[in-house]
Amino acid sequence: MDKNSLLHFKLSDSISNSELKNFHCSDTLLNQFLKRKAKKHFGELLAVTYLVMDEYKNIVGYYTLSSDTMPVTDILKSRFEKGKNYQTYPAIKIGRFAIDKQLDFMKV
């Protein structure tokens, strides 16, 4: 598999549950999330899951992004403008990240 041939898709209702069924990583909870909860989280505006697929539409991995905040600490305060009194700053969280266990890393 050529890494340049990988495609990214936002998980949507157009992706069938049978397509998701073929994905298996080493972590049971990550497998279950993709197959049972990812679409629900998208519908509830909690997170967006992106599928990474090969040229044959096999899911080789996925990751989930969601909105979050980062608390301001003394270290961060020194990096931002004086006079800003925010307690948190916006951030994007990678909530889940999984790669299919059948993927041959030597070929990527």
PDB file of N, CA and C in Angstrom:
ATOM      1  N   MET A   1       0.846  -1.186   0.000  1.00  0.00           N
ATOM      2  CA  MET A   1       0.000   0.000   0.000  1.00  0.00           C
ATOM      3  C   MET A   1       0.885   1.241   0.000  1.00  0.00           C
ATOM      4  N   ASP A   2       0.616   2.138  -0.868  1.00  0.00           N
ATOM      5  CA  ASP A   2       1.332   3.399  -0.970  1.00  0.00           C
ATOM      6  C   ASP A   2       0.676   4.402  -0.030  1.00  0.00           C
ATOM      7  N   LYS A   3       1.458   5.026   0.840  1.00  0.00           N
ATOM      8  CA  LYS A   3       0.865   5.963   1.800  1.00  0.00           C
ATOM      9  C   LYS A   3       0.198   7.146   1.106  1.00  0.00           C
ATOM     10  N   ASN A   4       0.579   7.441  -0.126  1.00  0.00           N
ATOM     11  CA  ASN A   4      -0.053   8.531  -0.860  1.00  0.00           C
ATOM     12  C   ASN A   4      -1.440   8.159  -1.364  1.00  0.00           C
ATOM     13  N   SER A   5      -1.774   6.874  -1.335  1.00  0.00           N
ATOM     14  CA  SER A   5      -3.085   6.444  -1.814  1.00  0.00           C
ATOM     15  C   SER A   5      -4.118   6.372  -0.693  1.00  0.00           C
ATOM     16  N   LEU A   6      -3.747   6.738   0.523  1.00  0.00           N
ATOM     17  CA  LEU A   6      -4.699   6.729   1.634  1.00  0.00           C
ATOM     18  C   LEU A   6      -5.677   7.890   1.501  1.00  0.00           C
ATOM     19  N   LEU A   7      -6.922   7.610   1.794  1.00  0.00           N
ATOM     20  CA  LEU A   7      -7.983   8.609   1.702  1.00  0.00           C
ATOM     21  C   LEU A   7      -8.572   8.858   3.080  1.00  0.00           C
ATOM     22  N   HIS A   8      -8.969  10.107   3.332  1.00  0.00           N
ATOM     23  CA  HIS A   8      -9.608  10.474   4.595  1.00  0.00           C
ATOM     24  C   HIS A   8     -11.068  10.808   4.335  1.00  0.00           C
ATOM     25  N   PHE A   9     -11.944  10.226   5.142  1.00  0.00           N
ATOM     26  CA  PHE A   9     -13.370  10.488   5.024  1.00  0.00           C
ATOM     27  C   PHE A   9     -13.944  10.780   6.400  1.00  0.00           C
ATOM     28  N   LYS A  10     -14.842  11.731   6.448  1.00  0.00           N
ATOM     29  CA  LYS A  10     -15.588  11.955   7.678  1.00  0.00           C
ATOM     30  C   LYS A  10     -16.620  10.843   7.793  1.00  0.00           C
ATOM     31  N   LEU A  11     -16.689  10.202   8.952  1.00  0.00           N
ATOM     32  CA  LEU A  11     -17.672   9.151   9.162  1.00  0.00           C
ATOM     33  C   LEU A  11     -19.070   9.757   9.077  1.00  0.00           C
ATOM     34  N   SER A  12     -19.905   9.161   8.251  1.00  0.00           N
ATOM     35  CA  SER A  12     -21.269   9.651   8.090  1.00  0.00           C
ATOM     36  C   SER A  12     -22.188   8.455   7.910  1.00  0.00           C
ATOM     37  N   ASP A  13     -23.460   8.736   7.778  1.00  0.00           N
ATOM     38  CA  ASP A  13     -24.426   7.662   7.591  1.00  0.00           C
ATOM     39  C   ASP A  13     -24.230   6.931   6.274  1.00  0.00           C
ATOM     40  N   SER A  14     -23.501   7.535   5.332  1.00  0.00           N
ATOM     41  CA  SER A  14     -23.265   6.863   4.049  1.00  0.00           C
ATOM     42  C   SER A  14     -22.290   5.692   4.181  1.00  0.00           C
ATOM     43  N   ILE A  15     -21.545   5.642   5.284  1.00  0.00           N
ATOM     44  CA  ILE A  15     -20.660   4.505   5.551  1.00  0.00           C
ATOM     45  C   ILE A  15     -21.498   3.459   6.285  1.00  0.00           C
ATOM     46  N   SER A  16     -21.600   2.283   5.703  1.00  0.00           N
ATOM     47  CA  SER A  16     -22.457   1.249   6.291  1.00  0.00           C
ATOM     48  C   SER A  16     -21.795   0.587   7.497  1.00  0.00           C
ATOM     49  N   ASN A  17     -22.630   0.041   8.363  1.00  0.00           N
ATOM     50  CA  ASN A  17     -22.106  -0.676   9.522  1.00  0.00           C
ATOM     51  C   ASN A  17     -21.316  -1.907   9.104  1.00  0.00           C
ATOM     52  N   SER A  18     -21.662  -2.494   7.970  1.00  0.00           N
ATOM     53  CA  SER A  18     -20.904  -3.665   7.492  1.00  0.00           C
ATOM     54  C   SER A  18     -19.476  -3.262   7.107  1.00  0.00           C
ATOM     55  N   GLU A  19     -19.289  -2.045   6.598  1.00  0.00           N
ATOM     56  CA  GLU A  19     -17.935  -1.564   6.282  1.00  0.00           C
ATOM     57  C   GLU A  19     -17.127  -1.368   7.554  1.00  0.00           C
ATOM     58  N   LEU A  20     -17.780  -0.924   8.619  1.00  0.00           N
ATOM     59  CA  LEU A  20     -17.096  -0.695   9.892  1.00  0.00           C
ATOM     60  C   LEU A  20     -16.741  -2.016  10.568  1.00  0.00           C
ATOM     61  N   LYS A  21     -17.522  -3.042  10.302  1.00  0.00           N
ATOM     62  CA  LYS A  21     -17.351  -4.345  10.952  1.00  0.00           C
ATOM     63  C   LYS A  21     -15.994  -4.974  10.665  1.00  0.00           C
ATOM     64  N   ASN A  22     -15.394  -4.642   9.533  1.00  0.00           N
ATOM     65  CA  ASN A  22     -14.124  -5.251   9.145  1.00  0.00           C
ATOM     66  C   ASN A  22     -12.917  -4.646   9.841  1.00  0.00           C
ATOM     67  N   PHE A  23     -13.107  -3.539  10.555  1.00  0.00           N
ATOM     68  CA  PHE A  23     -11.975  -2.894  11.232  1.00  0.00           C
ATOM     69  C   PHE A  23     -11.694  -3.587  12.558  1.00  0.00           C
ATOM     70  N   HIS A  24     -10.426  -3.924  12.779  1.00  0.00           N
ATOM     71  CA  HIS A  24     -10.022  -4.544  14.051  1.00  0.00           C
ATOM     72  C   HIS A  24      -8.638  -4.035  14.430  1.00  0.00           C
ATOM     73  N   CYS A  25      -8.572  -3.351  15.572  1.00  0.00           N
ATOM     74  CA  CYS A  25      -7.267  -2.986  16.118  1.00  0.00           C
ATOM     75  C   CYS A  25      -7.041  -3.849  17.355  1.00  0.00           C
ATOM     76  N   SER A  26      -5.981  -3.648  18.053  1.00  0.00           N
ATOM     77  CA  SER A  26      -5.647  -4.474  19.212  1.00  0.00           C
ATOM     78  C   SER A  26      -6.441  -4.112  20.462  1.00  0.00           C
ATOM     79  N   ASP A  27      -7.184  -3.010  20.421  1.00  0.00           N
ATOM     80  CA  ASP A  27      -7.922  -2.538  21.594  1.00  0.00           C
ATOM     81  C   ASP A  27      -9.428  -2.728  21.377  1.00  0.00           C
ATOM     82  N   THR A  28     -10.024  -3.579  22.169  1.00  0.00           N
ATOM     83  CA  THR A  28     -11.451  -3.891  22.047  1.00  0.00           C
ATOM     84  C   THR A  28     -12.322  -2.655  22.195  1.00  0.00           C
ATOM     85  N   LEU A  29     -11.979  -1.763  23.120  1.00  0.00           N
ATOM     86  CA  LEU A  29     -12.786  -0.556  23.335  1.00  0.00           C
ATOM     87  C   LEU A  29     -12.769   0.360  22.118  1.00  0.00           C
ATOM     88  N   LEU A  30     -11.632   0.463  21.440  1.00  0.00           N
ATOM     89  CA  LEU A  30     -11.556   1.283  20.233  1.00  0.00           C
ATOM     90  C   LEU A  30     -12.363   0.657  19.099  1.00  0.00           C
ATOM     91  N   ASN A  31     -12.349  -0.662  18.999  1.00  0.00           N
ATOM     92  CA  ASN A  31     -13.174  -1.345  18.002  1.00  0.00           C
ATOM     93  C   ASN A  31     -14.654  -1.089  18.266  1.00  0.00           C
ATOM     94  N   GLN A  32     -15.055  -1.235  19.518  1.00  0.00           N
ATOM     95  CA  GLN A  32     -16.460  -1.040  19.891  1.00  0.00           C
ATOM     96  C   GLN A  32     -16.900   0.399  19.661  1.00  0.00           C
ATOM     97  N   PHE A  33     -16.040   1.357  19.959  1.00  0.00           N
ATOM     98  CA  PHE A  33     -16.412   2.762  19.755  1.00  0.00           C
ATOM     99  C   PHE A  33     -16.749   3.005  18.288  1.00  0.00           C
ATOM    100  N   LEU A  34     -15.882   2.569  17.388  1.00  0.00           N
ATOM    101  CA  LEU A  34     -16.108   2.810  15.967  1.00  0.00           C
ATOM    102  C   LEU A  34     -17.409   2.162  15.496  1.00  0.00           C
ATOM    103  N   LYS A  35     -17.648   0.949  15.928  1.00  0.00           N
ATOM    104  CA  LYS A  35     -18.794   0.185  15.437  1.00  0.00           C
ATOM    105  C   LYS A  35     -20.109   0.560  16.106  1.00  0.00           C
ATOM    106  N   ARG A  36     -20.058   1.075  17.349  1.00  0.00           N
ATOM    107  CA  ARG A  36     -21.295   1.287  18.097  1.00  0.00           C
ATOM    108  C   ARG A  36     -21.586   2.737  18.494  1.00  0.00           C
ATOM    109  N   LYS A  37     -20.543   3.554  18.626  1.00  0.00           N
ATOM    110  CA  LYS A  37     -20.766   4.873  19.204  1.00  0.00           C
ATOM    111  C   LYS A  37     -20.348   6.059  18.345  1.00  0.00           C
ATOM    112  N   ALA A  38     -19.479   5.846  17.377  1.00  0.00           N
ATOM    113  CA  ALA A  38     -18.916   6.973  16.619  1.00  0.00           C
ATOM    114  C   ALA A  38     -20.000   7.781  15.908  1.00  0.00           C
ATOM    115  N   LYS A  39     -20.932   7.115  15.243  1.00  0.00           N
ATOM    116  CA  LYS A  39     -22.007   7.838  14.545  1.00  0.00           C
ATOM    117  C   LYS A  39     -22.908   8.569  15.531  1.00  0.00           C
ATOM    118  N   LYS A  40     -23.159   7.959  16.669  1.00  0.00           N
ATOM    119  CA  LYS A  40     -23.988   8.591  17.701  1.00  0.00           C
ATOM    120  C   LYS A  40     -23.309   9.861  18.237  1.00  0.00           C
ATOM    121  N   HIS A  41     -22.033   9.788  18.499  1.00  0.00           N
ATOM    122  CA  HIS A  41     -21.289  10.961  18.978  1.00  0.00           C
ATOM    123  C   HIS A  41     -21.334  12.088  17.953  1.00  0.00           C
ATOM    124  N   PHE A  42     -21.237  11.734  16.664  1.00  0.00           N
ATOM    125  CA  PHE A  42     -21.324  12.742  15.605  1.00  0.00           C
ATOM    126  C   PHE A  42     -22.715  13.387  15.612  1.00  0.00           C
ATOM    127  N   GLY A  43     -23.746  12.574  15.711  1.00  0.00           N
ATOM    128  CA  GLY A  43     -25.115  13.085  15.718  1.00  0.00           C
ATOM    129  C   GLY A  43     -25.414  13.972  16.908  1.00  0.00           C
ATOM    130  N   GLU A  44     -24.756  13.710  18.026  1.00  0.00           N
ATOM    131  CA  GLU A  44     -24.948  14.500  19.244  1.00  0.00           C
ATOM    132  C   GLU A  44     -23.957  15.669  19.338  1.00  0.00           C
ATOM    133  N   LEU A  45     -23.182  15.885  18.277  1.00  0.00           N
ATOM    134  CA  LEU A  45     -22.197  16.973  18.199  1.00  0.00           C
ATOM    135  C   LEU A  45     -21.119  16.875  19.279  1.00  0.00           C
ATOM    136  N   LEU A  46     -20.780  15.658  19.661  1.00  0.00           N
ATOM    137  CA  LEU A  46     -19.743  15.454  20.669  1.00  0.00           C
ATOM    138  C   LEU A  46     -18.355  15.290  20.052  1.00  0.00           C
ATOM    139  N   ALA A  47     -18.299  14.632  18.887  1.00  0.00           N
ATOM    140  CA  ALA A  47     -17.011  14.363  18.251  1.00  0.00           C
ATOM    141  C   ALA A  47     -17.238  14.014  16.788  1.00  0.00           C
ATOM    142  N   VAL A  48     -16.189  14.209  15.997  1.00  0.00           N
ATOM    143  CA  VAL A  48     -16.218  13.840  14.585  1.00  0.00           C
ATOM    144  C   VAL A  48     -15.141  12.784  14.380  1.00  0.00           C
ATOM    145  N   THR A  49     -15.544  11.671  13.775  1.00  0.00           N
ATOM    146  CA  THR A  49     -14.608  10.586  13.506  1.00  0.00           C
ATOM    147  C   THR A  49     -14.235  10.613  12.029  1.00  0.00           C
ATOM    148  N   TYR A  50     -12.938  10.511  11.768  1.00  0.00           N
ATOM    149  CA  TYR A  50     -12.417  10.471  10.405  1.00  0.00           C
ATOM    150  C   TYR A  50     -11.842   9.086  10.147  1.00  0.00           C
ATOM    151  N   LEU A  51     -12.223   8.514   9.027  1.00  0.00           N
ATOM    152  CA  LEU A  51     -11.725   7.208   8.623  1.00  0.00           C
ATOM    153  C   LEU A  51     -10.574   7.390   7.651  1.00  0.00           C
ATOM    154  N   VAL A  52      -9.561   6.575   7.799  1.00  0.00           N
ATOM    155  CA  VAL A  52      -8.455   6.526   6.843  1.00  0.00           C
ATOM    156  C   VAL A  52      -8.624   5.211   6.100  1.00  0.00           C
ATOM    157  N   MET A  53      -8.786   5.313   4.765  1.00  0.00           N
ATOM    158  CA  MET A  53      -9.072   4.131   3.960  1.00  0.00           C
ATOM    159  C   MET A  53      -8.029   3.973   2.864  1.00  0.00           C
ATOM    160  N   ASP A  54      -7.820   2.727   2.472  1.00  0.00           N
ATOM    161  CA  ASP A  54      -6.915   2.477   1.351  1.00  0.00           C
ATOM    162  C   ASP A  54      -7.691   2.598   0.040  1.00  0.00           C
ATOM    163  N   GLU A  55      -7.005   2.334  -1.058  1.00  0.00           N
ATOM    164  CA  GLU A  55      -7.629   2.506  -2.375  1.00  0.00           C
ATOM    165  C   GLU A  55      -8.770   1.518  -2.625  1.00  0.00           C
ATOM    166  N   TYR A  56      -8.855   0.459  -1.796  1.00  0.00           N
ATOM    167  CA  TYR A  56      -9.927  -0.529  -1.939  1.00  0.00           C
ATOM    168  C   TYR A  56     -11.074  -0.277  -0.958  1.00  0.00           C
ATOM    169  N   LYS A  57     -11.044   0.881  -0.309  1.00  0.00           N
ATOM    170  CA  LYS A  57     -12.072   1.285   0.674  1.00  0.00           C
ATOM    171  C   LYS A  57     -12.046   0.432   1.939  1.00  0.00           C
ATOM    172  N   ASN A  58     -10.898  -0.166   2.257  1.00  0.00           N
ATOM    173  CA  ASN A  58     -10.717  -0.857   3.536  1.00  0.00           C
ATOM    174  C   ASN A  58     -10.312   0.184   4.567  1.00  0.00           C
ATOM    175  N   ILE A  59     -10.902   0.141   5.739  1.00  0.00           N
ATOM    176  CA  ILE A  59     -10.534   1.065   6.798  1.00  0.00           C
ATOM    177  C   ILE A  59      -9.213   0.592   7.408  1.00  0.00           C
ATOM    178  N   VAL A  60      -8.202   1.435   7.331  1.00  0.00           N
ATOM    179  CA  VAL A  60      -6.899   1.087   7.886  1.00  0.00           C
ATOM    180  C   VAL A  60      -6.656   1.792   9.216  1.00  0.00           C
ATOM    181  N   GLY A  61      -7.475   2.792   9.513  1.00  0.00           N
ATOM    182  CA  GLY A  61      -7.355   3.490  10.781  1.00  0.00           C
ATOM    183  C   GLY A  61      -8.446   4.530  10.916  1.00  0.00           C
ATOM    184  N   TYR A  62      -8.544   5.091  12.122  1.00  0.00           N
ATOM    185  CA  TYR A  62      -9.473   6.198  12.340  1.00  0.00           C
ATOM    186  C   TYR A  62      -8.982   7.061  13.485  1.00  0.00           C
ATOM    187  N   TYR A  63      -9.476   8.288  13.511  1.00  0.00           N
ATOM    188  CA  TYR A  63      -9.201   9.186  14.626  1.00  0.00           C
ATOM    189  C   TYR A  63     -10.438  10.037  14.872  1.00  0.00           C
ATOM    190  N   THR A  64     -10.575  10.479  16.098  1.00  0.00           N
ATOM    191  CA  THR A  64     -11.737  11.255  16.503  1.00  0.00           C
ATOM    192  C   THR A  64     -11.276  12.597  17.057  1.00  0.00           C
ATOM    193  N   LEU A  65     -11.900  13.663  16.571  1.00  0.00           N
ATOM    194  CA  LEU A  65     -11.592  15.016  17.041  1.00  0.00           C
ATOM    195  C   LEU A  65     -12.803  15.609  17.735  1.00  0.00           C
ATOM    196  N   SER A  66     -12.555  16.371  18.788  1.00  0.00           N
ATOM    197  CA  SER A  66     -13.634  17.075  19.476  1.00  0.00           C
ATOM    198  C   SER A  66     -13.105  18.393  20.031  1.00  0.00           C
ATOM    199  N   SER A  67     -14.033  19.282  20.311  1.00  0.00           N
ATOM    200  CA  SER A  67     -13.671  20.564  20.906  1.00  0.00           C
ATOM    201  C   SER A  67     -13.324  20.347  22.373  1.00  0.00           C
ATOM    202  N   ASP A  68     -12.401  21.128  22.855  1.00  0.00           N
ATOM    203  CA  ASP A  68     -12.003  21.034  24.252  1.00  0.00           C
ATOM    204  C   ASP A  68     -11.450  22.392  24.673  1.00  0.00           C
ATOM    205  N   THR A  69     -11.027  22.484  25.897  1.00  0.00           N
ATOM    206  CA  THR A  69     -10.342  23.680  26.381  1.00  0.00           C
ATOM    207  C   THR A  69      -9.073  23.248  27.101  1.00  0.00           C
ATOM    208  N   MET A  70      -8.141  24.174  27.148  1.00  0.00           N
ATOM    209  CA  MET A  70      -6.879  23.941  27.815  1.00  0.00           C
ATOM    210  C   MET A  70      -6.779  24.950  28.960  1.00  0.00           C
ATOM    211  N   PRO A  71      -6.629  24.475  30.200  1.00  0.00           N
ATOM    212  CA  PRO A  71      -6.551  25.420  31.311  1.00  0.00           C
ATOM    213  C   PRO A  71      -5.261  26.243  31.249  1.00  0.00           C
ATOM    214  N   VAL A  72      -5.363  27.478  31.673  1.00  0.00           N
ATOM    215  CA  VAL A  72      -4.199  28.347  31.712  1.00  0.00           C
ATOM    216  C   VAL A  72      -3.400  28.023  32.969  1.00  0.00           C
ATOM    217  N   THR A  73      -2.126  27.773  32.781  1.00  0.00           N
ATOM    218  CA  THR A  73      -1.237  27.522  33.909  1.00  0.00           C
ATOM    219  C   THR A  73      -0.213  28.648  33.949  1.00  0.00           C
ATOM    220  N   ASP A  74       0.591  28.657  34.964  1.00  0.00           N
ATOM    221  CA  ASP A  74       1.625  29.687  35.070  1.00  0.00           C
ATOM    222  C   ASP A  74       2.569  29.633  33.871  1.00  0.00           C
ATOM    223  N   ILE A  75       2.845  28.457  33.371  1.00  0.00           N
ATOM    224  CA  ILE A  75       3.731  28.325  32.215  1.00  0.00           C
ATOM    225  C   ILE A  75       3.090  28.968  30.993  1.00  0.00           C
ATOM    226  N   LEU A  76       1.812  28.682  30.762  1.00  0.00           N
ATOM    227  CA  LEU A  76       1.127  29.242  29.600  1.00  0.00           C
ATOM    228  C   LEU A  76       0.932  30.753  29.715  1.00  0.00           C
ATOM    229  N   LYS A  77       0.714  31.252  30.910  1.00  0.00           N
ATOM    230  CA  LYS A  77       0.490  32.686  31.093  1.00  0.00           C
ATOM    231  C   LYS A  77       1.648  33.498  30.530  1.00  0.00           C
ATOM    232  N   SER A  78       2.865  33.004  30.666  1.00  0.00           N
ATOM    233  CA  SER A  78       4.030  33.739  30.184  1.00  0.00           C
ATOM    234  C   SER A  78       4.092  33.778  28.656  1.00  0.00           C
ATOM    235  N   ARG A  79       3.368  32.909  27.964  1.00  0.00           N
ATOM    236  CA  ARG A  79       3.416  32.839  26.505  1.00  0.00           C
ATOM    237  C   ARG A  79       2.357  33.714  25.843  1.00  0.00           C
ATOM    238  N   PHE A  80       1.382  34.195  26.604  1.00  0.00           N
ATOM    239  CA  PHE A  80       0.296  34.977  26.035  1.00  0.00           C
ATOM    240  C   PHE A  80       0.425  36.433  26.457  1.00  0.00           C
ATOM    241  N   GLU A  81      -0.269  37.273  25.720  1.00  0.00           N
ATOM    242  CA  GLU A  81      -0.225  38.709  25.980  1.00  0.00           C
ATOM    243  C   GLU A  81      -0.624  39.038  27.406  1.00  0.00           C
ATOM    244  N   LYS A  82       0.036  40.017  27.954  1.00  0.00           N
ATOM    245  CA  LYS A  82      -0.348  40.508  29.281  1.00  0.00           C
ATOM    246  C   LYS A  82      -1.714  41.172  29.173  1.00  0.00           C
ATOM    247  N   GLY A  83      -2.477  41.094  30.216  1.00  0.00           N
ATOM    248  CA  GLY A  83      -3.787  41.723  30.217  1.00  0.00           C
ATOM    249  C   GLY A  83      -4.923  40.788  29.843  1.00  0.00           C
ATOM    250  N   LYS A  84      -4.610  39.627  29.288  1.00  0.00           N
ATOM    251  CA  LYS A  84      -5.633  38.632  28.976  1.00  0.00           C
ATOM    252  C   LYS A  84      -5.886  37.811  30.234  1.00  0.00           C
ATOM    253  N   ASN A  85      -7.124  37.767  30.644  1.00  0.00           N
ATOM    254  CA  ASN A  85      -7.446  37.066  31.884  1.00  0.00           C
ATOM    255  C   ASN A  85      -8.282  35.816  31.651  1.00  0.00           C
ATOM    256  N   TYR A  86      -8.013  35.102  30.584  1.00  0.00           N
ATOM    257  CA  TYR A  86      -8.759  33.890  30.309  1.00  0.00           C
ATOM    258  C   TYR A  86      -8.332  32.778  31.264  1.00  0.00           C
ATOM    259  N   GLN A  87      -9.279  31.964  31.674  1.00  0.00           N
ATOM    260  CA  GLN A  87      -8.969  30.801  32.499  1.00  0.00           C
ATOM    261  C   GLN A  87      -8.667  29.574  31.640  1.00  0.00           C
ATOM    262  N   THR A  88      -9.226  29.570  30.421  1.00  0.00           N
ATOM    263  CA  THR A  88      -8.995  28.464  29.495  1.00  0.00           C
ATOM    264  C   THR A  88      -8.846  29.009  28.077  1.00  0.00           C
ATOM    265  N   TYR A  89      -8.212  28.224  27.233  1.00  0.00           N
ATOM    266  CA  TYR A  89      -8.079  28.547  25.821  1.00  0.00           C
ATOM    267  C   TYR A  89      -8.673  27.401  25.011  1.00  0.00           C
ATOM    268  N   PRO A  90      -9.244  27.714  23.847  1.00  0.00           N
ATOM    269  CA  PRO A  90      -9.825  26.645  23.033  1.00  0.00           C
ATOM    270  C   PRO A  90      -8.752  25.682  22.538  1.00  0.00           C
ATOM    271  N   ALA A  91      -9.170  24.425  22.384  1.00  0.00           N
ATOM    272  CA  ALA A  91      -8.252  23.385  21.915  1.00  0.00           C
ATOM    273  C   ALA A  91      -9.048  22.337  21.139  1.00  0.00           C
ATOM    274  N   ILE A  92      -8.342  21.531  20.392  1.00  0.00           N
ATOM    275  CA  ILE A  92      -8.943  20.386  19.715  1.00  0.00           C
ATOM    276  C   ILE A  92      -8.303  19.138  20.308  1.00  0.00           C
ATOM    277  N   LYS A  93      -9.149  18.193  20.687  1.00  0.00           N
ATOM    278  CA  LYS A  93      -8.680  16.969  21.324  1.00  0.00           C
ATOM    279  C   LYS A  93      -8.761  15.798  20.347  1.00  0.00           C
ATOM    280  N   ILE A  94      -7.683  15.023  20.296  1.00  0.00           N
ATOM    281  CA  ILE A  94      -7.731  13.743  19.604  1.00  0.00           C
ATOM    282  C   ILE A  94      -8.225  12.754  20.649  1.00  0.00           C
ATOM    283  N   GLY A  95      -9.496  12.394  20.533  1.00  0.00           N
ATOM    284  CA  GLY A  95     -10.111  11.550  21.547  1.00  0.00           C
ATOM    285  C   GLY A  95      -9.770  10.083  21.386  1.00  0.00           C
ATOM    286  N   ARG A  96      -9.705   9.632  20.164  1.00  0.00           N
ATOM    287  CA  ARG A  96      -9.395   8.237  19.872  1.00  0.00           C
ATOM    288  C   ARG A  96      -8.532   8.190  18.620  1.00  0.00           C
ATOM    289  N   PHE A  97      -7.650   7.184  18.591  1.00  0.00           N
ATOM    290  CA  PHE A  97      -6.744   7.002  17.451  1.00  0.00           C
ATOM    291  C   PHE A  97      -6.461   5.507  17.356  1.00  0.00           C
ATOM    292  N   ALA A  98      -6.810   4.892  16.235  1.00  0.00           N
ATOM    293  CA  ALA A  98      -6.622   3.448  16.112  1.00  0.00           C
ATOM    294  C   ALA A  98      -6.166   3.086  14.704  1.00  0.00           C
ATOM    295  N   ILE A  99      -5.359   2.046  14.615  1.00  0.00           N
ATOM    296  CA  ILE A  99      -4.864   1.538  13.342  1.00  0.00           C
ATOM    297  C   ILE A  99      -5.195   0.053  13.275  1.00  0.00           C
ATOM    298  N   ASP A 100      -5.686  -0.393  12.126  1.00  0.00           N
ATOM    299  CA  ASP A 100      -6.058  -1.789  11.951  1.00  0.00           C
ATOM    300  C   ASP A 100      -4.849  -2.679  12.176  1.00  0.00           C
ATOM    301  N   LYS A 101      -5.036  -3.761  12.929  1.00  0.00           N
ATOM    302  CA  LYS A 101      -3.905  -4.633  13.257  1.00  0.00           C
ATOM    303  C   LYS A 101      -3.396  -5.426  12.054  1.00  0.00           C
ATOM    304  N   GLN A 102      -4.161  -5.470  10.968  1.00  0.00           N
ATOM    305  CA  GLN A 102      -3.718  -6.168   9.751  1.00  0.00           C
ATOM    306  C   GLN A 102      -2.788  -5.312   8.903  1.00  0.00           C
ATOM    307  N   LEU A 103      -2.682  -4.027   9.234  1.00  0.00           N
ATOM    308  CA  LEU A 103      -1.850  -3.133   8.447  1.00  0.00           C
ATOM    309  C   LEU A 103      -0.384  -3.494   8.615  1.00  0.00           C
ATOM    310  N   ASP A 104       0.295  -3.656   7.498  1.00  0.00           N
ATOM    311  CA  ASP A 104       1.721  -3.982   7.506  1.00  0.00           C
ATOM    312  C   ASP A 104       2.482  -2.661   7.526  1.00  0.00           C
ATOM    313  N   PHE A 105       3.052  -2.312   8.669  1.00  0.00           N
ATOM    314  CA  PHE A 105       3.725  -1.020   8.818  1.00  0.00           C
ATOM    315  C   PHE A 105       4.955  -0.898   7.939  1.00  0.00           C
ATOM    316  N   MET A 106       5.522  -1.996   7.533  1.00  0.00           N
ATOM    317  CA  MET A 106       6.706  -1.929   6.690  1.00  0.00           C
ATOM    318  C   MET A 106       6.393  -1.423   5.291  1.00  0.00           C
ATOM    319  N   LYS A 107       5.154  -1.501   4.878  1.00  0.00           N
ATOM    320  CA  LYS A 107       4.775  -1.078   3.537  1.00  0.00           C
ATOM    321  C   LYS A 107       4.213   0.334   3.493  1.00  0.00           C
ATOM    322  N   VAL A 108       3.945   0.931   4.644  1.00  0.00           N
ATOM    323  CA  VAL A 108       3.354   2.274   4.685  1.00  0.00           C
ATOM    324  C   VAL A 108       4.411   3.304   4.424  1.00  0.00           C
TER     325      VAL A 108
END
